[in-house]
C-alpha atoms as a PDB file:
ATOM      1  CA  UNK A   1     -47.129 -38.657 -31.918  1.00  0.00           C
ATOM      2  CA  UNK A   2     -50.962 -38.775 -32.597  1.00  0.00           C
ATOM      3  CA  UNK A   3     -52.769 -41.549 -34.323  1.00  0.00           C
ATOM      4  CA  UNK A   4     -56.169 -42.918 -34.967  1.00  0.00           C
ATOM      5  CA  UNK A   5     -57.379 -45.800 -35.480  1.00  0.00           C
ATOM      6  CA  UNK A   6     -56.272 -47.632 -39.238  1.00  0.00           C
ATOM      7  CA  UNK A   7     -53.132 -45.804 -39.372  1.00  0.00           C
ATOM      8  CA  UNK A   8     -49.898 -47.878 -39.142  1.00  0.00           C
ATOM      9  CA  UNK A   9     -47.146 -47.815 -36.277  1.00  0.00           C
ATOM     10  CA  UNK A  10     -44.013 -48.303 -37.300  1.00  0.00           C
ATOM     11  CA  UNK A  11     -41.014 -49.352 -35.073  1.00  0.00           C
ATOM     12  CA  UNK A  12     -37.786 -49.282 -36.085  1.00  0.00           C
ATOM     13  CA  UNK A  13     -34.921 -51.640 -35.039  1.00  0.00           C
ATOM     14  CA  UNK A  14     -32.694 -50.031 -32.261  1.00  0.00           C
ATOM     15  CA  UNK A  15     -30.039 -53.101 -32.319  1.00  0.00           C
ATOM     16  CA  UNK A  16     -28.089 -54.563 -34.921  1.00  0.00           C
ATOM     17  CA  UNK A  17     -30.209 -57.344 -36.435  1.00  0.00           C
ATOM     18  CA  UNK A  18     -33.381 -55.964 -34.733  1.00  0.00           C
ATOM     19  CA  UNK A  19     -36.192 -56.016 -37.290  1.00  0.00           C
ATOM     20  CA  UNK A  20     -38.567 -53.515 -38.346  1.00  0.00           C
ATOM     21  CA  UNK A  21     -42.255 -53.957 -37.230  1.00  0.00           C
ATOM     22  CA  UNK A  22     -45.548 -52.930 -38.315  1.00  0.00           C
ATOM     23  CA  UNK A  23     -48.836 -52.996 -37.018  1.00  0.00           C
ATOM     24  CA  UNK A  24     -52.399 -51.613 -37.864  1.00  0.00           C
ATOM     25  CA  UNK A  25     -53.625 -49.320 -34.743  1.00  0.00           C
ATOM     26  CA  UNK A  26     -56.958 -50.614 -33.712  1.00  0.00           C
ATOM     27  CA  UNK A  27     -57.885 -48.160 -31.283  1.00  0.00           C
ATOM     28  CA  UNK A  28     -56.619 -45.001 -29.456  1.00  0.00           C
ATOM     29  CA  UNK A  29     -57.804 -44.516 -25.937  1.00  0.00           C
ATOM     30  CA  UNK A  30     -57.525 -40.784 -25.903  1.00  0.00           C
ATOM     31  CA  UNK A  31     -59.527 -38.141 -27.910  1.00  0.00           C
ATOM     32  CA  UNK A  32     -56.138 -36.456 -28.809  1.00  0.00           C
ATOM     33  CA  UNK A  33     -54.708 -39.170 -30.300  1.00  0.00           C
ATOM     34  CA  UNK A  34     -51.976 -39.978 -27.895  1.00  0.00           C
ATOM     35  CA  UNK A  35     -50.494 -42.986 -26.884  1.00  0.00           C
ATOM     36  CA  UNK A  36     -50.903 -45.786 -25.955  1.00  0.00           C
ATOM     37  CA  UNK A  37     -52.375 -48.002 -28.808  1.00  0.00           C
ATOM     38  CA  UNK A  38     -54.051 -51.469 -29.219  1.00  0.00           C
ATOM     39  CA  UNK A  39     -52.157 -52.577 -32.101  1.00  0.00           C
ATOM     40  CA  UNK A  40     -52.559 -55.742 -34.301  1.00  0.00           C
ATOM     41  CA  UNK A  41     -48.897 -56.997 -35.563  1.00  0.00           C
ATOM     42  CA  UNK A  42     -48.624 -57.765 -39.247  1.00  0.00           C
ATOM     43  CA  UNK A  43     -45.943 -60.191 -38.851  1.00  0.00           C
ATOM     44  CA  UNK A  44     -48.164 -62.783 -36.229  1.00  0.00           C
ATOM     45  CA  UNK A  45     -51.395 -61.173 -36.005  1.00  0.00           C
ATOM     46  CA  UNK A  46     -50.552 -60.502 -32.243  1.00  0.00           C
ATOM     47  CA  UNK A  47     -52.227 -57.466 -30.599  1.00  0.00           C
ATOM     48  CA  UNK A  48     -50.894 -55.626 -27.858  1.00  0.00           C
ATOM     49  CA  UNK A  49     -51.080 -52.587 -26.220  1.00  0.00           C
ATOM     50  CA  UNK A  50     -48.284 -50.539 -27.407  1.00  0.00           C
ATOM     51  CA  UNK A  51     -46.582 -47.253 -25.453  1.00  0.00           C
ATOM     52  CA  UNK A  52     -44.331 -46.424 -28.461  1.00  0.00           C
ATOM     53  CA  UNK A  53     -40.968 -44.911 -27.887  1.00  0.00           C
ATOM     54  CA  UNK A  54     -38.199 -43.010 -30.252  1.00  0.00           C
ATOM     55  CA  UNK A  55     -37.856 -45.557 -32.609  1.00  0.00           C
ATOM     56  CA  UNK A  56     -41.661 -45.458 -33.569  1.00  0.00           C
ATOM     57  CA  UNK A  57     -43.710 -43.359 -36.206  1.00  0.00           C
ATOM     58  CA  UNK A  58     -47.155 -43.552 -37.430  1.00  0.00           C
ATOM     59  CA  UNK A  59     -47.840 -43.671 -41.011  1.00  0.00           C
ATOM     60  CA  UNK A  60     -51.276 -43.526 -42.986  1.00  0.00           C
ATOM     61  CA  UNK A  61     -52.744 -46.600 -43.851  1.00  0.00           C
ATOM     62  CA  UNK A  62     -52.141 -48.225 -46.660  1.00  0.00           C
ATOM     63  CA  UNK A  63     -54.824 -49.137 -49.485  1.00  0.00           C
ATOM     64  CA  UNK A  64     -54.727 -52.688 -48.421  1.00  0.00           C
ATOM     65  CA  UNK A  65     -54.929 -51.555 -44.913  1.00  0.00           C
ATOM     66  CA  UNK A  66     -58.519 -49.739 -46.069  1.00  0.00           C
ATOM     67  CA  UNK A  67     -59.332 -52.713 -48.005  1.00  0.00           C
ATOM     68  CA  UNK A  68     -59.291 -50.406 -51.181  1.00  0.00           C
ATOM     69  CA  UNK A  69     -57.698 -53.310 -53.331  1.00  0.00           C
ATOM     70  CA  UNK A  70     -59.731 -56.165 -54.690  1.00  0.00           C
END
């Protein structure tokens, strides 16, 4: 897994009743883009250091994340 600041981290729920979580990657400490990542979760604004597992994927930023929409 490789990411850059501004990408989205999506965690899919792995148990029945788990919800998908989406966060914006704020920082990536390694030059090659590997985890861990500092992420701000969109559902509550909490920032956390995340070591993503197999249920996670990285997506490019959306126009909203980049501030393209007025």
